[in-house]
PDB file of N, CA and C in Angstrom:
ATOM      1  N   UNK A   1       9.660   6.466 -11.052  1.00  0.00           N
ATOM      2  CA  UNK A   1       8.732   6.923 -10.036  1.00  0.00           C
ATOM      3  C   UNK A   1       7.538   5.965  -9.995  1.00  0.00           C
ATOM      4  N   UNK A   2       7.062   5.714  -8.806  1.00  0.00           N
ATOM      5  CA  UNK A   2       5.925   4.829  -8.637  1.00  0.00           C
ATOM      6  C   UNK A   2       4.614   5.525  -8.978  1.00  0.00           C
ATOM      7  N   UNK A   3       3.530   4.730  -8.945  1.00  0.00           N
ATOM      8  CA  UNK A   3       2.217   5.327  -9.180  1.00  0.00           C
ATOM      9  C   UNK A   3       1.151   4.566  -8.416  1.00  0.00           C
ATOM     10  N   UNK A   4       0.142   5.317  -8.007  1.00  0.00           N
ATOM     11  CA  UNK A   4      -1.044   4.745  -7.408  1.00  0.00           C
ATOM     12  C   UNK A   4      -2.050   4.515  -8.516  1.00  0.00           C
ATOM     13  N   UNK A   5      -2.663   3.345  -8.540  1.00  0.00           N
ATOM     14  CA  UNK A   5      -3.670   3.034  -9.537  1.00  0.00           C
ATOM     15  C   UNK A   5      -4.992   2.785  -8.802  1.00  0.00           C
ATOM     16  N   UNK A   6      -5.986   3.630  -9.091  1.00  0.00           N
ATOM     17  CA  UNK A   6      -7.310   3.489  -8.495  1.00  0.00           C
ATOM     18  C   UNK A   6      -8.169   2.629  -9.423  1.00  0.00           C
ATOM     19  N   UNK A   7      -8.848   1.652  -8.853  1.00  0.00           N
ATOM     20  CA  UNK A   7      -9.751   0.821  -9.638  1.00  0.00           C
ATOM     21  C   UNK A   7     -11.024   0.575  -8.836  1.00  0.00           C
ATOM     22  N   UNK A   8     -12.019   0.039  -9.521  1.00  0.00           N
ATOM     23  CA  UNK A   8     -13.296  -0.250  -8.872  1.00  0.00           C
ATOM     24  C   UNK A   8     -13.495  -1.758  -8.836  1.00  0.00           C
ATOM     25  N   UNK A   9     -13.833  -2.266  -7.678  1.00  0.00           N
ATOM     26  CA  UNK A   9     -14.078  -3.695  -7.517  1.00  0.00           C
ATOM     27  C   UNK A   9     -15.460  -4.060  -8.053  1.00  0.00           C
ATOM     28  N   UNK A  10     -15.683  -5.356  -8.229  1.00  0.00           N
ATOM     29  CA  UNK A  10     -16.979  -5.811  -8.738  1.00  0.00           C
ATOM     30  C   UNK A  10     -18.117  -5.486  -7.774  1.00  0.00           C
ATOM     31  N   UNK A  11     -17.797  -5.324  -6.490  1.00  0.00           N
ATOM     32  CA  UNK A  11     -18.840  -4.983  -5.517  1.00  0.00           C
ATOM     33  C   UNK A  11     -19.086  -3.475  -5.421  1.00  0.00           C
ATOM     34  N   UNK A  12     -18.425  -2.694  -6.287  1.00  0.00           N
ATOM     35  CA  UNK A  12     -18.636  -1.258  -6.319  1.00  0.00           C
ATOM     36  C   UNK A  12     -17.675  -0.453  -5.461  1.00  0.00           C
ATOM     37  N   UNK A  13     -16.863  -1.139  -4.641  1.00  0.00           N
ATOM     38  CA  UNK A  13     -15.897  -0.417  -3.806  1.00  0.00           C
ATOM     39  C   UNK A  13     -14.696   0.030  -4.649  1.00  0.00           C
ATOM     40  N   UNK A  14     -14.053   1.091  -4.179  1.00  0.00           N
ATOM     41  CA  UNK A  14     -12.829   1.582  -4.814  1.00  0.00           C
ATOM     42  C   UNK A  14     -11.631   1.064  -4.043  1.00  0.00           C
ATOM     43  N   UNK A  15     -10.527   0.856  -4.744  1.00  0.00           N
ATOM     44  CA  UNK A  15      -9.283   0.443  -4.104  1.00  0.00           C
ATOM     45  C   UNK A  15      -8.130   1.064  -4.856  1.00  0.00           C
ATOM     46  N   UNK A  16      -6.962   1.065  -4.212  1.00  0.00           N
ATOM     47  CA  UNK A  16      -5.763   1.511  -4.921  1.00  0.00           C
ATOM     48  C   UNK A  16      -4.649   0.510  -4.707  1.00  0.00           C
ATOM     49  N   UNK A  17      -3.761   0.469  -5.685  1.00  0.00           N
ATOM     50  CA  UNK A  17      -2.513  -0.273  -5.579  1.00  0.00           C
ATOM     51  C   UNK A  17      -1.382   0.712  -5.810  1.00  0.00           C
ATOM     52  N   UNK A  18      -0.348   0.612  -5.002  1.00  0.00           N
ATOM     53  CA  UNK A  18       0.875   1.367  -5.249  1.00  0.00           C
ATOM     54  C   UNK A  18       1.811   0.462  -6.022  1.00  0.00           C
ATOM     55  N   UNK A  19       2.215   0.939  -7.201  1.00  0.00           N
ATOM     56  CA  UNK A  19       3.107   0.153  -8.050  1.00  0.00           C
ATOM     57  C   UNK A  19       4.479   0.809  -8.098  1.00  0.00           C
ATOM     58  N   UNK A  20       5.509  -0.019  -8.045  1.00  0.00           N
ATOM     59  CA  UNK A  20       6.883   0.461  -8.189  1.00  0.00           C
ATOM     60  C   UNK A  20       7.130   0.799  -9.654  1.00  0.00           C
ATOM     61  N   UNK A  21       8.283   1.379  -9.933  1.00  0.00           N
ATOM     62  CA  UNK A  21       8.600   1.780 -11.309  1.00  0.00           C
ATOM     63  C   UNK A  21       8.591   0.596 -12.272  1.00  0.00           C
ATOM     64  N   UNK A  22       8.828  -0.633 -11.770  1.00  0.00           N
ATOM     65  CA  UNK A  22       8.824  -1.819 -12.627  1.00  0.00           C
ATOM     66  C   UNK A  22       7.411  -2.373 -12.821  1.00  0.00           C
ATOM     67  N   UNK A  23       6.395  -1.706 -12.251  1.00  0.00           N
ATOM     68  CA  UNK A  23       5.017  -2.139 -12.428  1.00  0.00           C
ATOM     69  C   UNK A  23       4.515  -3.119 -11.386  1.00  0.00           C
ATOM     70  N   UNK A  24       5.395  -3.553 -10.495  1.00  0.00           N
ATOM     71  CA  UNK A  24       5.009  -4.521  -9.470  1.00  0.00           C
ATOM     72  C   UNK A  24       4.215  -3.823  -8.357  1.00  0.00           C
ATOM     73  N   UNK A  25       3.117  -4.463  -7.932  1.00  0.00           N
ATOM     74  CA  UNK A  25       2.321  -3.924  -6.829  1.00  0.00           C
ATOM     75  C   UNK A  25       3.099  -4.112  -5.525  1.00  0.00           C
ATOM     76  N   UNK A  26       3.325  -3.007  -4.810  1.00  0.00           N
ATOM     77  CA  UNK A  26       4.067  -3.087  -3.553  1.00  0.00           C
ATOM     78  C   UNK A  26       3.193  -2.787  -2.336  1.00  0.00           C
ATOM     79  N   UNK A  27       1.974  -2.261  -2.577  1.00  0.00           N
ATOM     80  CA  UNK A  27       1.041  -2.003  -1.484  1.00  0.00           C
ATOM     81  C   UNK A  27      -0.368  -1.984  -2.062  1.00  0.00           C
ATOM     82  N   UNK A  28      -1.287  -2.698  -1.401  1.00  0.00           N
ATOM     83  CA  UNK A  28      -2.679  -2.748  -1.844  1.00  0.00           C
ATOM     84  C   UNK A  28      -3.581  -2.253  -0.721  1.00  0.00           C
ATOM     85  N   UNK A  29      -4.595  -1.499  -1.086  1.00  0.00           N
ATOM     86  CA  UNK A  29      -5.502  -0.939  -0.081  1.00  0.00           C
ATOM     87  C   UNK A  29      -6.656  -1.886   0.214  1.00  0.00           C
ATOM     88  N   UNK A  30      -7.400  -1.524   1.234  1.00  0.00           N
ATOM     89  CA  UNK A  30      -8.678  -2.148   1.518  1.00  0.00           C
ATOM     90  C   UNK A  30      -9.697  -1.531   0.563  1.00  0.00           C
ATOM     91  N   UNK A  31     -10.935  -1.957   0.615  1.00  0.00           N
ATOM     92  CA  UNK A  31     -11.981  -1.371  -0.205  1.00  0.00           C
ATOM     93  C   UNK A  31     -12.546  -0.115   0.433  1.00  0.00           C
ATOM     94  N   UNK A  32     -12.877   0.864  -0.387  1.00  0.00           N
ATOM     95  CA  UNK A  32     -13.466   2.128   0.075  1.00  0.00           C
ATOM     96  C   UNK A  32     -14.834   2.306  -0.575  1.00  0.00           C
ATOM     97  N   UNK A  33     -15.792   2.853   0.176  1.00  0.00           N
ATOM     98  CA  UNK A  33     -17.144   3.060  -0.339  1.00  0.00           C
ATOM     99  C   UNK A  33     -17.188   4.165  -1.391  1.00  0.00           C
ATOM    100  N   UNK A  34     -16.325   5.168  -1.256  1.00  0.00           N
ATOM    101  CA  UNK A  34     -16.330   6.280  -2.207  1.00  0.00           C
ATOM    102  C   UNK A  34     -14.938   6.522  -2.760  1.00  0.00           C
ATOM    103  N   UNK A  35     -14.896   7.127  -3.942  1.00  0.00           N
ATOM    104  CA  UNK A  35     -13.613   7.464  -4.549  1.00  0.00           C
ATOM    105  C   UNK A  35     -12.871   8.501  -3.708  1.00  0.00           C
ATOM    106  N   UNK A  36     -13.622   9.439  -3.107  1.00  0.00           N
ATOM    107  CA  UNK A  36     -12.995  10.458  -2.269  1.00  0.00           C
ATOM    108  C   UNK A  36     -12.258   9.817  -1.088  1.00  0.00           C
ATOM    109  N   UNK A  37     -12.869   8.817  -0.482  1.00  0.00           N
ATOM    110  CA  UNK A  37     -12.200   8.120   0.624  1.00  0.00           C
ATOM    111  C   UNK A  37     -10.958   7.379   0.132  1.00  0.00           C
ATOM    112  N   UNK A  38     -11.043   6.809  -1.052  1.00  0.00           N
ATOM    113  CA  UNK A  38      -9.892   6.122  -1.645  1.00  0.00           C
ATOM    114  C   UNK A  38      -8.753   7.117  -1.880  1.00  0.00           C
ATOM    115  N   UNK A  39      -9.086   8.289  -2.402  1.00  0.00           N
ATOM    116  CA  UNK A  39      -8.075   9.323  -2.643  1.00  0.00           C
ATOM    117  C   UNK A  39      -7.464   9.800  -1.319  1.00  0.00           C
ATOM    118  N   UNK A  40      -8.275   9.886  -0.271  1.00  0.00           N
ATOM    119  CA  UNK A  40      -7.743  10.228   1.055  1.00  0.00           C
ATOM    120  C   UNK A  40      -6.784   9.153   1.547  1.00  0.00           C
ATOM    121  N   UNK A  41      -7.094   7.896   1.235  1.00  0.00           N
ATOM    122  CA  UNK A  41      -6.202   6.795   1.595  1.00  0.00           C
ATOM    123  C   UNK A  41      -4.846   6.927   0.921  1.00  0.00           C
ATOM    124  N   UNK A  42      -4.844   7.344  -0.332  1.00  0.00           N
ATOM    125  CA  UNK A  42      -3.593   7.559  -1.057  1.00  0.00           C
ATOM    126  C   UNK A  42      -2.773   8.652  -0.376  1.00  0.00           C
ATOM    127  N   UNK A  43      -3.418   9.748  -0.027  1.00  0.00           N
ATOM    128  CA  UNK A  43      -2.710  10.833   0.667  1.00  0.00           C
ATOM    129  C   UNK A  43      -2.153  10.361   1.995  1.00  0.00           C
ATOM    130  N   UNK A  44      -2.888   9.502   2.671  1.00  0.00           N
ATOM    131  CA  UNK A  44      -2.430   8.954   3.947  1.00  0.00           C
ATOM    132  C   UNK A  44      -1.191   8.079   3.756  1.00  0.00           C
ATOM    133  N   UNK A  45      -1.169   7.296   2.673  1.00  0.00           N
ATOM    134  CA  UNK A  45       0.013   6.472   2.380  1.00  0.00           C
ATOM    135  C   UNK A  45       1.215   7.367   2.114  1.00  0.00           C
ATOM    136  N   UNK A  46       1.021   8.416   1.312  1.00  0.00           N
ATOM    137  CA  UNK A  46       2.131   9.326   0.997  1.00  0.00           C
ATOM    138  C   UNK A  46       2.750   9.890   2.276  1.00  0.00           C
ATOM    139  N   UNK A  47       1.907  10.257   3.226  1.00  0.00           N
ATOM    140  CA  UNK A  47       2.375  10.861   4.475  1.00  0.00           C
ATOM    141  C   UNK A  47       2.963   9.813   5.426  1.00  0.00           C
ATOM    142  N   UNK A  48       2.218   8.739   5.659  1.00  0.00           N
ATOM    143  CA  UNK A  48       2.623   7.759   6.665  1.00  0.00           C
ATOM    144  C   UNK A  48       3.768   6.848   6.226  1.00  0.00           C
ATOM    145  N   UNK A  49       4.012   6.762   4.927  1.00  0.00           N
ATOM    146  CA  UNK A  49       5.092   5.900   4.437  1.00  0.00           C
ATOM    147  C   UNK A  49       6.468   6.424   4.832  1.00  0.00           C
ATOM    148  N   UNK A  50       6.526   7.656   5.299  1.00  0.00           N
ATOM    149  CA  UNK A  50       7.811   8.233   5.696  1.00  0.00           C
ATOM    150  C   UNK A  50       8.070   8.082   7.194  1.00  0.00           C
ATOM    151  N   UNK A  51       7.191   7.373   7.900  1.00  0.00           N
ATOM    152  CA  UNK A  51       7.328   7.178   9.346  1.00  0.00           C
ATOM    153  C   UNK A  51       7.535   5.695   9.622  1.00  0.00           C
ATOM    154  N   UNK A  52       8.742   5.331  10.009  1.00  0.00           N
ATOM    155  CA  UNK A  52       9.125   3.927  10.198  1.00  0.00           C
ATOM    156  C   UNK A  52       8.148   3.165  11.094  1.00  0.00           C
ATOM    157  N   UNK A  53       7.695   3.808  12.170  1.00  0.00           N
ATOM    158  CA  UNK A  53       6.851   3.128  13.153  1.00  0.00           C
ATOM    159  C   UNK A  53       5.480   2.759  12.591  1.00  0.00           C
ATOM    160  N   UNK A  54       5.110   3.313  11.447  1.00  0.00           N
ATOM    161  CA  UNK A  54       3.793   3.026  10.873  1.00  0.00           C
ATOM    162  C   UNK A  54       3.786   1.704  10.095  1.00  0.00           C
ATOM    163  N   UNK A  55       4.964   1.126   9.861  1.00  0.00           N
ATOM    164  CA  UNK A  55       5.049  -0.168   9.174  1.00  0.00           C
ATOM    165  C   UNK A  55       5.024  -1.274  10.216  1.00  0.00           C
ATOM    166  N   UNK A  56       4.069  -2.178  10.071  1.00  0.00           N
ATOM    167  CA  UNK A  56       3.967  -3.320  10.973  1.00  0.00           C
ATOM    168  C   UNK A  56       4.415  -4.570  10.219  1.00  0.00           C
ATOM    169  N   UNK A  57       5.523  -5.141  10.670  1.00  0.00           N
ATOM    170  CA  UNK A  57       6.067  -6.338  10.029  1.00  0.00           C
ATOM    171  C   UNK A  57       5.386  -7.565  10.620  1.00  0.00           C
ATOM    172  N   UNK A  58       4.911  -8.449   9.735  1.00  0.00           N
ATOM    173  CA  UNK A  58       4.136  -9.602  10.174  1.00  0.00           C
ATOM    174  C   UNK A  58       4.601 -10.874   9.474  1.00  0.00           C
ATOM    175  N   UNK A  59       4.171 -12.007  10.029  1.00  0.00           N
ATOM    176  CA  UNK A  59       4.392 -13.307   9.407  1.00  0.00           C
ATOM    177  C   UNK A  59       3.047 -14.024   9.348  1.00  0.00           C
ATOM    178  N   UNK A  60       2.687 -14.525   8.181  1.00  0.00           N
ATOM    179  CA  UNK A  60       1.399 -15.197   8.005  1.00  0.00           C
ATOM    180  C   UNK A  60       1.439 -16.602   8.609  1.00  0.00           C
ATOM    181  N   UNK A  61       0.291 -17.239   8.671  1.00  0.00           N
ATOM    182  CA  UNK A  61       0.198 -18.580   9.258  1.00  0.00           C
ATOM    183  C   UNK A  61       0.999 -19.612   8.473  1.00  0.00           C
ATOM    184  N   UNK A  62       1.262 -19.332   7.184  1.00  0.00           N
ATOM    185  CA  UNK A  62       2.062 -20.272   6.394  1.00  0.00           C
ATOM    186  C   UNK A  62       3.550 -19.903   6.373  1.00  0.00           C
ATOM    187  N   UNK A  63       3.932 -18.942   7.231  1.00  0.00           N
ATOM    188  CA  UNK A  63       5.343 -18.608   7.394  1.00  0.00           C
ATOM    189  C   UNK A  63       5.872 -17.538   6.462  1.00  0.00           C
ATOM    190  N   UNK A  64       5.028 -17.001   5.603  1.00  0.00           N
ATOM    191  CA  UNK A  64       5.491 -15.958   4.684  1.00  0.00           C
ATOM    192  C   UNK A  64       5.459 -14.591   5.365  1.00  0.00           C
ATOM    193  N   UNK A  65       6.415 -13.756   5.003  1.00  0.00           N
ATOM    194  CA  UNK A  65       6.537 -12.425   5.600  1.00  0.00           C
ATOM    195  C   UNK A  65       5.731 -11.422   4.788  1.00  0.00           C
ATOM    196  N   UNK A  66       5.133 -10.455   5.493  1.00  0.00           N
ATOM    197  CA  UNK A  66       4.434  -9.357   4.834  1.00  0.00           C
ATOM    198  C   UNK A  66       4.395  -8.169   5.786  1.00  0.00           C
ATOM    199  N   UNK A  67       3.854  -7.043   5.302  1.00  0.00           N
ATOM    200  CA  UNK A  67       3.743  -5.869   6.168  1.00  0.00           C
ATOM    201  C   UNK A  67       2.455  -5.129   5.903  1.00  0.00           C
ATOM    202  N   UNK A  68       2.058  -4.349   6.890  1.00  0.00           N
ATOM    203  CA  UNK A  68       0.927  -3.438   6.764  1.00  0.00           C
ATOM    204  C   UNK A  68       1.419  -2.035   7.085  1.00  0.00           C
ATOM    205  N   UNK A  69       0.816  -1.055   6.438  1.00  0.00           N
ATOM    206  CA  UNK A  69       1.091   0.351   6.732  1.00  0.00           C
ATOM    207  C   UNK A  69      -0.122   0.903   7.448  1.00  0.00           C
ATOM    208  N   UNK A  70       0.109   1.518   8.599  1.00  0.00           N
ATOM    209  CA  UNK A  70      -0.990   2.030   9.405  1.00  0.00           C
ATOM    210  C   UNK A  70      -0.988   3.555   9.446  1.00  0.00           C
ATOM    211  N   UNK A  71      -2.180   4.108   9.588  1.00  0.00           N
ATOM    212  CA  UNK A  71      -2.341   5.550   9.767  1.00  0.00           C
ATOM    213  C   UNK A  71      -2.075   5.896  11.224  1.00  0.00           C
ATOM    214  N   UNK A  72      -2.074   7.183  11.535  1.00  0.00           N
ATOM    215  CA  UNK A  72      -1.799   7.629  12.905  1.00  0.00           C
ATOM    216  C   UNK A  72      -2.840   7.104  13.891  1.00  0.00           C
ATOM    217  N   UNK A  73      -4.057   6.795  13.401  1.00  0.00           N
ATOM    218  CA  UNK A  73      -5.095   6.264  14.284  1.00  0.00           C
ATOM    219  C   UNK A  73      -5.032   4.747  14.440  1.00  0.00           C
ATOM    220  N   UNK A  74      -4.025   4.120  13.835  1.00  0.00           N
ATOM    221  CA  UNK A  74      -3.834   2.681  13.951  1.00  0.00           C
ATOM    222  C   UNK A  74      -4.555   1.860  12.901  1.00  0.00           C
ATOM    223  N   UNK A  75      -5.333   2.511  12.046  1.00  0.00           N
ATOM    224  CA  UNK A  75      -6.068   1.800  11.004  1.00  0.00           C
ATOM    225  C   UNK A  75      -5.129   1.419   9.859  1.00  0.00           C
ATOM    226  N   UNK A  76      -5.282   0.198   9.357  1.00  0.00           N
ATOM    227  CA  UNK A  76      -4.460  -0.265   8.233  1.00  0.00           C
ATOM    228  C   UNK A  76      -4.918   0.441   6.956  1.00  0.00           C
ATOM    229  N   UNK A  77      -3.962   1.060   6.251  1.00  0.00           N
ATOM    230  CA  UNK A  77      -4.293   1.744   4.997  1.00  0.00           C
ATOM    231  C   UNK A  77      -3.757   1.002   3.776  1.00  0.00           C
ATOM    232  N   UNK A  78      -2.909   0.002   4.015  1.00  0.00           N
ATOM    233  CA  UNK A  78      -2.404  -0.803   2.909  1.00  0.00           C
ATOM    234  C   UNK A  78      -1.621  -1.990   3.414  1.00  0.00           C
ATOM    235  N   UNK A  79      -1.606  -3.048   2.609  1.00  0.00           N
ATOM    236  CA  UNK A  79      -0.866  -4.256   2.963  1.00  0.00           C
ATOM    237  C   UNK A  79      -0.053  -4.713   1.762  1.00  0.00           C
ATOM    238  N   UNK A  80       1.016  -5.424   2.048  1.00  0.00           N
ATOM    239  CA  UNK A  80       1.906  -5.907   0.987  1.00  0.00           C
ATOM    240  C   UNK A  80       1.481  -7.288   0.516  1.00  0.00           C
ATOM    241  N   UNK A  81       2.184  -7.756  -0.487  1.00  0.00           N
ATOM    242  CA  UNK A  81       2.066  -9.143  -0.914  1.00  0.00           C
ATOM    243  C   UNK A  81       2.781 -10.026   0.106  1.00  0.00           C
ATOM    244  N   UNK A  82       2.711 -11.327  -0.078  1.00  0.00           N
ATOM    245  CA  UNK A  82       3.455 -12.267   0.762  1.00  0.00           C
ATOM    246  C   UNK A  82       4.856 -12.444   0.176  1.00  0.00           C
ATOM    247  N   UNK A  83       5.853 -12.384   1.046  1.00  0.00           N
ATOM    248  CA  UNK A  83       7.242 -12.516   0.619  1.00  0.00           C
ATOM    249  C   UNK A  83       7.816 -13.831   1.145  1.00  0.00           C
ATOM    250  N   UNK A  84       8.804 -14.339   0.424  1.00  0.00           N
ATOM    251  CA  UNK A  84       9.437 -15.595   0.823  1.00  0.00           C
ATOM    252  C   UNK A  84      10.385 -15.427   2.007  1.00  0.00           C
ATOM    253  N   UNK A  85      10.858 -14.202   2.224  1.00  0.00           N
ATOM    254  CA  UNK A  85      11.817 -13.986   3.313  1.00  0.00           C
ATOM    255  C   UNK A  85      11.574 -12.633   3.965  1.00  0.00           C
ATOM    256  N   UNK A  86      12.094 -12.488   5.181  1.00  0.00           N
ATOM    257  CA  UNK A  86      11.970 -11.197   5.868  1.00  0.00           C
ATOM    258  C   UNK A  86      12.803 -10.141   5.151  1.00  0.00           C
ATOM    259  N   UNK A  87      13.917 -10.545   4.531  1.00  0.00           N
ATOM    260  CA  UNK A  87      14.744  -9.586   3.790  1.00  0.00           C
ATOM    261  C   UNK A  87      13.979  -9.031   2.598  1.00  0.00           C
ATOM    262  N   UNK A  88      13.232  -9.881   1.897  1.00  0.00           N
ATOM    263  CA  UNK A  88      12.436  -9.423   0.758  1.00  0.00           C
ATOM    264  C   UNK A  88      11.325  -8.495   1.244  1.00  0.00           C
ATOM    265  N   UNK A  89      10.712  -8.823   2.384  1.00  0.00           N
ATOM    266  CA  UNK A  89       9.683  -7.949   2.956  1.00  0.00           C
ATOM    267  C   UNK A  89      10.263  -6.584   3.293  1.00  0.00           C
ATOM    268  N   UNK A  90      11.436  -6.581   3.908  1.00  0.00           N
ATOM    269  CA  UNK A  90      12.066  -5.314   4.272  1.00  0.00           C
ATOM    270  C   UNK A  90      12.406  -4.491   3.038  1.00  0.00           C
ATOM    271  N   UNK A  91      12.780  -5.151   1.950  1.00  0.00           N
ATOM    272  CA  UNK A  91      13.012  -4.441   0.688  1.00  0.00           C
ATOM    273  C   UNK A  91      11.712  -3.835   0.169  1.00  0.00           C
ATOM    274  N   UNK A  92      10.603  -4.546   0.368  1.00  0.00           N
ATOM    275  CA  UNK A  92       9.298  -4.027  -0.026  1.00  0.00           C
ATOM    276  C   UNK A  92       8.954  -2.764   0.737  1.00  0.00           C
ATOM    277  N   UNK A  93       9.242  -2.738   2.030  1.00  0.00           N
ATOM    278  CA  UNK A  93       9.002  -1.548   2.847  1.00  0.00           C
ATOM    279  C   UNK A  93       9.822  -0.377   2.325  1.00  0.00           C
ATOM    280  N   UNK A  94      11.084  -0.632   2.021  1.00  0.00           N
ATOM    281  CA  UNK A  94      11.952   0.426   1.496  1.00  0.00           C
ATOM    282  C   UNK A  94      11.422   0.949   0.161  1.00  0.00           C
ATOM    283  N   UNK A  95      10.861   0.058  -0.647  1.00  0.00           N
ATOM    284  CA  UNK A  95      10.310   0.466  -1.940  1.00  0.00           C
ATOM    285  C   UNK A  95       9.090   1.370  -1.747  1.00  0.00           C
ATOM    286  N   UNK A  96       8.248   1.056  -0.763  1.00  0.00           N
ATOM    287  CA  UNK A  96       7.093   1.915  -0.469  1.00  0.00           C
ATOM    288  C   UNK A  96       7.582   3.284  -0.011  1.00  0.00           C
ATOM    289  N   UNK A  97       8.568   3.296   0.884  1.00  0.00           N
ATOM    290  CA  UNK A  97       9.112   4.572   1.379  1.00  0.00           C
ATOM    291  C   UNK A  97       9.640   5.433   0.228  1.00  0.00           C
ATOM    292  N   UNK A  98      10.274   4.786  -0.737  1.00  0.00           N
ATOM    293  CA  UNK A  98      10.891   5.502  -1.857  1.00  0.00           C
ATOM    294  C   UNK A  98       9.859   5.951  -2.881  1.00  0.00           C
ATOM    295  N   UNK A  99       8.891   5.098  -3.193  1.00  0.00           N
ATOM    296  CA  UNK A  99       7.963   5.364  -4.293  1.00  0.00           C
ATOM    297  C   UNK A  99       6.734   6.178  -3.914  1.00  0.00           C
ATOM    298  N   UNK A 100       6.235   6.036  -2.689  1.00  0.00           N
ATOM    299  CA  UNK A 100       4.941   6.638  -2.334  1.00  0.00           C
ATOM    300  C   UNK A 100       4.908   8.165  -2.346  1.00  0.00           C
ATOM    301  N   UNK A 101       5.889   8.859  -1.769  1.00  0.00           N
ATOM    302  CA  UNK A 101       5.739  10.310  -1.614  1.00  0.00           C
ATOM    303  C   UNK A 101       5.490  11.077  -2.909  1.00  0.00           C
ATOM    304  N   UNK A 102       6.144  10.702  -3.987  1.00  0.00           N
ATOM    305  CA  UNK A 102       6.040  11.448  -5.242  1.00  0.00           C
ATOM    306  C   UNK A 102       5.284  10.680  -6.318  1.00  0.00           C
ATOM    307  N   UNK A 103       4.602   9.610  -5.934  1.00  0.00           N
ATOM    308  CA  UNK A 103       3.906   8.787  -6.911  1.00  0.00           C
ATOM    309  C   UNK A 103       2.760   9.552  -7.562  1.00  0.00           C
ATOM    310  N   UNK A 104       2.576   9.297  -8.847  1.00  0.00           N
ATOM    311  CA  UNK A 104       1.449   9.875  -9.561  1.00  0.00           C
ATOM    312  C   UNK A 104       0.207   9.024  -9.277  1.00  0.00           C
ATOM    313  N   UNK A 105      -0.954   9.516  -9.699  1.00  0.00           N
ATOM    314  CA  UNK A 105      -2.204   8.778  -9.504  1.00  0.00           C
ATOM    315  C   UNK A 105      -2.839   8.534 -10.862  1.00  0.00           C
ATOM    316  N   UNK A 106      -3.148   7.275 -11.139  1.00  0.00           N
ATOM    317  CA  UNK A 106      -3.831   6.896 -12.375  1.00  0.00           C
ATOM    318  C   UNK A 106      -5.194   6.331 -11.976  1.00  0.00           C
ATOM    319  N   UNK A 107      -6.247   6.932 -12.475  1.00  0.00           N
ATOM    320  CA  UNK A 107      -7.604   6.533 -12.107  1.00  0.00           C
ATOM    321  C   UNK A 107      -8.187   5.657 -13.207  1.00  0.00           C
ATOM    322  N   UNK A 108      -8.362   4.363 -12.919  1.00  0.00           N
ATOM    323  CA  UNK A 108      -8.936   3.435 -13.881  1.00  0.00           C
ATOM    324  C   UNK A 108     -10.383   3.084 -13.535  1.00  0.00           C
ATOM    325  N   UNK A 109     -10.913   3.764 -12.510  1.00  0.00           N
ATOM    326  CA  UNK A 109     -12.283   3.452 -12.098  1.00  0.00           C
ATOM    327  C   UNK A 109     -13.220   4.080 -13.077  1.00  0.00           C
TER     328      UNK A 109
END
């Protein structure tokens, strides 16, 4: 089972990473001003990760594939790492779909 890890950035913002069972980060959040907002972001990932249309598949300027997960209001709630291929990116999306709904939360902030 995956887990969300909450941490605090050097600028005081909170962020979360969704990690797969192997410990690899599969989704990283933006910075949040409060821990409560960060926790709301986690709940949003759990809900929106089950809706295919919320995943936006992208290609970076250097040709690497990645994806963003968006909330119902269109705001990005998490982004993936850069992948070498679109197939690897698509596997990353499937991993988020599988791990997010039942992931535990570990607070390191």
